[in-house]
């Protein structure tokens, strides 16, 4: 009986030694599996719908032992998530609202990581005859035909306070129209989708209408659309994307460390190359361009695209 008791005690002690790593069988440099950190991102729909964030998140998760949680919405809604402190990082494309967000103390460490261009797409028949026009001229022609009662001329707006919707309003303003009084609610020719870019493109396709889209989302959906690019030139069509950290001084509970890791990841050389090549194999051109390559061209400083977040 005593031998059985001693054996049982010895067995327990060996098990405890193995668990504690005290037997000398565990190598000192064996990595310890720690709990994954969660990174919460609010992003504009174009970065999500194109699958760019799926690709980059997978790389980041592996490198940082993290879980990336993404909520996709128009820039206006994404900013609301940031203002409430519901996320750690905000990724949007509306400089005016970004500046207000920063000035109000909600965000910090803004970095520009990519850009592309907006385009005006529509049916190949082009009933408003806008092909090759400047964006402001194209909007004017669409409105004139629509207001005149041409049933074939319809413009579908995002209508969701997104970055794309803001750009649309800027083009209307550039064309000399007051958006609230001259465009919105002015007739059946102007319809608001109130949805993300992918869904707006699908609605535009069903109606054989016109819409403003970022080129990345259009290329990602092009195989399911009968819409063609009609206007793709004009300075106003530039579309710049940034990432920024939610200010930990306002929201101490955000994961500040992993938020900084993500922003530094986005402006790193390897990820900038990944962005520049994303979509080329499938679409023959990138869906986005790396900001690091063209910082002067897109009107930002070198610091905005390369300075690490400390």
Protein backbone atom coordinates (compact mmCIF):
# COMPACT_ATOMS: atom_id res chain seq x y z
CA UNK A 1 0.00 0.00 0.00
CA UNK A 2 2.84 2.35 0.89
CA UNK A 3 4.52 1.69 -2.47
CA UNK A 4 1.29 2.54 -4.32
CA UNK A 5 1.00 5.78 -2.35
CA UNK A 6 4.60 6.75 -3.09
CA UNK A 7 4.08 5.98 -6.79
CA UNK A 8 0.95 8.08 -6.91
CA UNK A 9 2.72 11.00 -5.23
CA UNK A 10 5.68 10.67 -7.57
CA UNK A 11 3.38 10.61 -10.61
CA UNK A 12 1.67 13.81 -9.48
CA UNK A 13 5.01 15.53 -8.86
CA UNK A 14 6.32 14.59 -12.32
CA UNK A 15 3.12 15.90 -13.90
CA UNK A 16 3.49 19.17 -12.02
CA UNK A 17 7.12 19.47 -13.07
CA UNK A 18 6.18 18.92 -16.71
CA UNK A 19 3.46 21.54 -16.50
CA UNK A 20 5.79 24.08 -14.93
CA UNK A 21 8.56 23.29 -17.38
CA UNK A 22 10.94 22.46 -14.53
CA UNK A 23 12.20 19.07 -15.78
CA UNK A 24 14.65 20.48 -18.31
CA UNK A 25 12.74 19.04 -21.28
CA UNK A 26 11.27 22.43 -22.31
CA UNK A 27 13.65 24.61 -24.32
CA UNK A 28 14.13 28.09 -22.82
CA UNK A 29 13.27 29.78 -26.14
CA UNK A 30 10.06 27.84 -26.79
CA UNK A 31 7.40 30.47 -27.62
CA UNK A 32 4.46 30.75 -25.28
CA UNK A 33 1.07 30.95 -26.99
CA UNK A 34 -0.50 34.12 -25.65
CA UNK A 35 -4.11 35.16 -26.03
CA UNK A 36 -4.84 36.92 -29.30
CA UNK A 37 -5.36 40.66 -29.15
CA UNK A 38 -8.40 42.09 -30.87
CA UNK A 39 -8.13 45.00 -33.27
CA UNK A 40 -11.40 46.75 -34.08
CA UNK A 41 -11.51 48.70 -37.35
CA UNK A 42 -14.27 50.87 -38.81
CA UNK A 43 -13.68 51.18 -42.54
CA UNK A 44 -15.22 52.64 -45.64
CA UNK A 45 -16.98 50.08 -47.83
CA UNK A 46 -14.58 50.31 -50.77
CA UNK A 47 -11.65 48.93 -48.77
CA UNK A 48 -13.87 46.06 -47.62
CA UNK A 49 -15.84 45.30 -50.80
CA UNK A 50 -12.67 45.01 -52.88
CA UNK A 51 -11.31 42.35 -50.43
CA UNK A 52 -8.15 44.39 -49.85
CA UNK A 53 -8.70 44.32 -46.09
CA UNK A 54 -9.30 40.57 -46.14
CA UNK A 55 -5.86 40.13 -47.67
CA UNK A 56 -4.07 42.55 -45.36
CA UNK A 57 -5.86 41.39 -42.21
CA UNK A 58 -4.73 37.81 -42.77
CA UNK A 59 -1.10 38.93 -42.95
CA UNK A 60 -1.42 41.16 -39.88
CA UNK A 61 -3.17 38.50 -37.81
CA UNK A 62 -0.36 36.04 -38.43
CA UNK A 63 2.41 38.55 -37.73
CA UNK A 64 0.88 39.99 -34.56
CA UNK A 65 -1.08 37.05 -33.13
CA UNK A 66 -4.18 39.17 -33.45
CA UNK A 67 -7.82 38.97 -34.45
CA UNK A 68 -8.98 41.77 -36.74
CA UNK A 69 -12.65 42.69 -36.40
CA UNK A 70 -13.96 44.90 -39.20
CA UNK A 71 -17.15 46.92 -39.46
CA UNK A 72 -17.76 48.28 -42.96
CA UNK A 73 -19.87 51.39 -43.51
CA UNK A 74 -19.90 54.69 -45.31
CA UNK A 75 -17.38 57.21 -44.02
CA UNK A 76 -20.06 59.11 -42.08
CA UNK A 77 -21.17 56.02 -40.17
CA UNK A 78 -17.57 54.84 -39.70
CA UNK A 79 -16.72 58.20 -38.15
CA UNK A 80 -19.64 57.79 -35.74
CA UNK A 81 -18.12 54.51 -34.54
CA UNK A 82 -14.89 56.37 -33.94
CA UNK A 83 -16.60 59.22 -32.13
CA UNK A 84 -18.17 56.73 -29.73
CA UNK A 85 -14.88 54.94 -29.11
CA UNK A 86 -16.34 51.67 -30.43
CA UNK A 87 -13.24 50.92 -32.51
CA UNK A 88 -9.47 51.25 -32.25
CA UNK A 89 -8.75 52.41 -35.81
CA UNK A 90 -10.65 54.41 -38.42
CA UNK A 91 -9.98 54.01 -42.18
CA UNK A 92 -11.78 56.54 -44.39
CA UNK A 93 -11.47 58.82 -47.42
CA UNK A 94 -12.94 62.23 -46.73
CA UNK A 95 -10.23 64.77 -45.86
CA UNK A 96 -12.58 67.52 -44.68
CA UNK A 97 -14.30 65.28 -42.14
CA UNK A 98 -11.00 63.66 -41.17
CA UNK A 99 -9.63 67.09 -40.26
CA UNK A 100 -12.70 67.85 -38.13
CA UNK A 101 -12.42 64.45 -36.43
CA UNK A 102 -8.80 65.17 -35.53
CA UNK A 103 -9.48 68.77 -34.46
CA UNK A 104 -12.28 67.61 -32.15
CA UNK A 105 -9.83 65.29 -30.41
CA UNK A 106 -11.33 61.97 -31.49
CA UNK A 107 -8.40 60.81 -33.59
CA UNK A 108 -4.63 60.92 -33.72
CA UNK A 109 -1.72 59.56 -35.74
CA UNK A 110 -3.33 59.97 -39.15
CA UNK A 111 -1.38 58.31 -41.96
CA UNK A 112 -2.16 58.11 -45.68
CA UNK A 113 -1.65 54.63 -47.14
CA UNK A 114 -3.38 54.47 -50.55
CA UNK A 115 -5.24 56.32 -53.24
CA UNK A 116 -7.21 55.70 -56.39
CA UNK A 117 -9.75 57.65 -58.43
CA UNK A 118 -13.47 58.08 -58.70
CA UNK A 119 -15.14 57.40 -62.02
CA UNK A 120 -18.58 58.04 -63.46
CA UNK A 121 -20.09 54.85 -64.85
CA UNK A 122 -23.27 54.25 -66.77
CA UNK A 123 -24.92 52.28 -69.58
CA UNK A 124 -22.94 51.86 -72.78
CA UNK A 125 -25.75 53.63 -74.66
CA UNK A 126 -24.90 56.78 -72.61
CA UNK A 127 -28.25 58.58 -73.02
CA UNK A 128 -26.90 61.80 -71.46
CA UNK A 129 -23.87 61.80 -73.81
CA UNK A 130 -21.30 62.34 -71.05
CA UNK A 131 -18.46 60.17 -72.34
CA UNK A 132 -15.14 62.01 -72.20
CA UNK A 133 -16.50 65.10 -70.46
CA UNK A 134 -15.04 66.62 -67.32
CA UNK A 135 -16.87 65.42 -64.17
CA UNK A 136 -18.61 68.76 -63.60
CA UNK A 137 -19.76 68.88 -67.23
CA UNK A 138 -21.01 65.29 -67.02
CA UNK A 139 -23.09 66.00 -63.92
CA UNK A 140 -24.55 69.07 -65.59
CA UNK A 141 -25.55 67.07 -68.67
CA UNK A 142 -27.14 64.31 -66.58
CA UNK A 143 -29.14 66.83 -64.57
CA UNK A 144 -30.32 68.73 -67.66
CA UNK A 145 -31.54 65.57 -69.40
CA UNK A 146 -33.10 64.25 -66.21
CA UNK A 147 -34.89 67.51 -65.42
CA UNK A 148 -36.15 67.65 -69.00
CA UNK A 149 -37.97 64.39 -68.40
CA UNK A 150 -35.77 61.95 -70.29
CA UNK A 151 -36.83 58.64 -68.70
CA UNK A 152 -33.59 56.97 -69.77
CA UNK A 153 -31.45 59.32 -67.70
CA UNK A 154 -31.20 58.40 -64.02
CA UNK A 155 -28.46 59.11 -61.52
CA UNK A 156 -28.13 56.82 -58.49
CA UNK A 157 -26.46 58.46 -55.51
CA UNK A 158 -24.92 56.65 -52.55
CA UNK A 159 -27.01 59.01 -50.42
CA UNK A 160 -25.39 57.68 -47.26
CA UNK A 161 -23.03 60.42 -46.03
CA UNK A 162 -20.10 58.33 -47.25
CA UNK A 163 -16.82 59.61 -48.66
CA UNK A 164 -18.17 58.88 -52.13
CA UNK A 165 -21.34 60.83 -51.36
CA UNK A 166 -19.20 63.75 -50.16
CA UNK A 167 -17.22 63.65 -53.40
CA UNK A 168 -20.46 63.65 -55.38
CA UNK A 169 -21.60 66.77 -53.53
CA UNK A 170 -18.24 68.42 -54.27
CA UNK A 171 -18.70 67.74 -57.98
CA UNK A 172 -22.21 69.20 -57.93
CA UNK A 173 -20.81 72.27 -56.18
CA UNK A 174 -18.02 72.51 -58.75
CA UNK A 175 -20.66 72.40 -61.47
CA UNK A 176 -22.40 75.39 -59.89
CA UNK A 177 -25.34 73.65 -58.21
CA UNK A 178 -26.60 73.78 -54.65
CA UNK A 179 -26.94 70.13 -53.73
CA UNK A 180 -29.81 70.57 -51.29
CA UNK A 181 -31.97 72.77 -53.51
CA UNK A 182 -30.91 72.02 -57.08
CA UNK A 183 -30.23 68.28 -57.00
CA UNK A 184 -31.55 66.33 -54.02
CA UNK A 185 -35.29 65.72 -54.35
CA UNK A 186 -35.45 67.53 -57.71
CA UNK A 187 -37.13 64.70 -59.60
CA UNK A 188 -37.30 61.00 -60.40
CA UNK A 189 -34.05 61.27 -62.33
CA UNK A 190 -32.12 61.54 -59.03
CA UNK A 191 -32.39 58.50 -56.74
CA UNK A 192 -30.62 57.78 -53.46
CA UNK A 193 -29.56 54.21 -52.71
CA UNK A 194 -28.58 54.74 -49.06
CA UNK A 195 -26.24 51.77 -49.31
CA UNK A 196 -22.58 50.83 -49.75
CA UNK A 197 -20.73 51.11 -53.03
CA UNK A 198 -21.20 47.51 -54.14
CA UNK A 199 -24.96 47.59 -53.56
CA UNK A 200 -25.20 51.01 -55.23
CA UNK A 201 -23.46 49.66 -58.33
CA UNK A 202 -25.89 46.74 -58.44
CA UNK A 203 -28.87 49.10 -58.16
CA UNK A 204 -27.40 51.34 -60.88
CA UNK A 205 -26.96 48.32 -63.10
CA UNK A 206 -30.57 47.23 -62.63
CA UNK A 207 -31.80 50.68 -63.59
CA UNK A 208 -29.21 51.18 -66.35
CA UNK A 209 -28.40 54.47 -64.71
CA UNK A 210 -25.34 56.57 -63.91
CA UNK A 211 -23.41 56.68 -60.65
CA UNK A 212 -20.15 57.84 -59.13
CA UNK A 213 -17.91 55.00 -57.93
CA UNK A 214 -14.36 54.53 -56.76
CA UNK A 215 -12.56 52.59 -59.46
CA UNK A 216 -11.50 49.79 -57.09
CA UNK A 217 -15.03 48.74 -56.20
CA UNK A 218 -16.15 49.09 -59.81
CA UNK A 219 -13.41 46.74 -61.01
CA UNK A 220 -14.22 44.24 -58.26
CA UNK A 221 -17.89 44.19 -59.36
CA UNK A 222 -17.37 44.74 -63.09
CA UNK A 223 -17.90 41.09 -64.02
CA UNK A 224 -21.50 41.29 -62.77
CA UNK A 225 -22.30 44.67 -64.34
CA UNK A 226 -23.35 45.97 -67.73
CA UNK A 227 -22.00 49.43 -66.83
CA UNK A 228 -18.98 51.03 -68.50
CA UNK A 229 -16.59 53.78 -67.47
CA UNK A 230 -17.63 57.04 -69.12
CA UNK A 231 -15.69 59.71 -67.20
CA UNK A 232 -12.32 58.99 -65.60
CA UNK A 233 -10.35 62.22 -65.87
CA UNK A 234 -10.43 65.35 -63.73
CA UNK A 235 -8.48 66.53 -60.70
CA UNK A 236 -11.58 66.39 -58.52
CA UNK A 237 -11.74 62.60 -58.93
CA UNK A 238 -8.69 61.94 -56.74
CA UNK A 239 -9.57 59.62 -53.84
CA UNK A 240 -7.12 59.40 -50.90
CA UNK A 241 -7.38 56.85 -48.07
CA UNK A 242 -6.05 57.25 -44.54
CA UNK A 243 -5.88 55.31 -41.30
CA UNK A 244 -5.94 56.94 -37.89
CA UNK A 245 -5.94 55.81 -34.30
CA UNK A 246 -8.80 56.66 -32.00
CA UNK A 247 -7.42 59.04 -29.37
CA UNK A 248 -6.60 57.08 -26.18
CA UNK A 249 -6.79 60.29 -24.13
CA UNK A 250 -10.49 60.49 -24.97
CA UNK A 251 -11.10 56.73 -24.86
CA UNK A 252 -8.57 55.03 -22.54
CA UNK A 253 -10.09 51.59 -23.15
CA UNK A 254 -9.07 51.34 -26.79
CA UNK A 255 -6.21 49.00 -27.65
CA UNK A 256 -3.68 51.71 -28.36
CA UNK A 257 -0.73 49.37 -28.86
CA UNK A 258 -2.29 47.21 -31.56
CA UNK A 259 -3.84 50.29 -33.20
CA UNK A 260 -0.35 51.75 -33.63
CA UNK A 261 0.88 48.37 -34.89
CA UNK A 262 -1.81 48.39 -37.59
CA UNK A 263 -1.05 51.91 -38.79
CA UNK A 264 2.68 51.18 -38.96
CA UNK A 265 1.82 47.96 -40.80
CA UNK A 266 -0.22 49.89 -43.40
CA UNK A 267 2.64 52.30 -44.22
CA UNK A 268 5.36 49.65 -44.15
CA UNK A 269 7.29 48.95 -47.36
CA UNK A 270 5.97 45.38 -47.63
CA UNK A 271 2.32 46.38 -47.30
CA UNK A 272 2.75 49.32 -49.66
CA UNK A 273 4.01 46.82 -52.25
CA UNK A 274 1.06 44.55 -51.46
CA UNK A 275 -1.36 47.43 -52.05
CA UNK A 276 0.33 48.41 -55.32
CA UNK A 277 0.02 44.87 -56.70
CA UNK A 278 -3.41 43.99 -55.32
CA UNK A 279 -5.82 43.16 -58.13
CA UNK A 280 -3.29 43.31 -60.97
CA UNK A 281 -3.43 39.56 -61.69
CA UNK A 282 -7.23 39.53 -61.82
CA UNK A 283 -8.08 42.93 -63.29
CA UNK A 284 -4.96 43.92 -65.21
CA UNK A 285 -4.46 46.97 -62.98
CA UNK A 286 -4.26 47.67 -59.24
CA UNK A 287 -7.44 48.55 -57.39
CA UNK A 288 -5.46 51.02 -55.29
CA UNK A 289 -2.11 52.78 -55.58
CA UNK A 290 0.49 52.95 -52.83
CA UNK A 291 0.64 56.40 -51.26
CA UNK A 292 4.34 55.97 -50.52
CA UNK A 293 5.13 56.09 -54.24
CA UNK A 294 3.20 59.25 -55.07
CA UNK A 295 2.93 61.38 -51.95
CA UNK A 296 3.67 64.63 -53.81
CA UNK A 297 1.26 63.77 -56.60
CA UNK A 298 -1.64 63.28 -54.18
CA UNK A 299 -0.90 66.44 -52.20
CA UNK A 300 0.30 65.06 -48.88
CA UNK A 301 3.60 65.35 -47.02
CA UNK A 302 6.22 62.65 -46.86
CA UNK A 303 5.68 62.47 -43.09
CA UNK A 304 2.00 61.59 -43.64
CA UNK A 305 2.93 58.43 -45.53
CA UNK A 306 6.19 57.30 -43.92
CA UNK A 307 6.59 58.54 -40.32
CA UNK A 308 6.17 55.60 -37.92
CA UNK A 309 3.66 55.92 -35.10
CA UNK A 310 5.51 55.69 -31.78
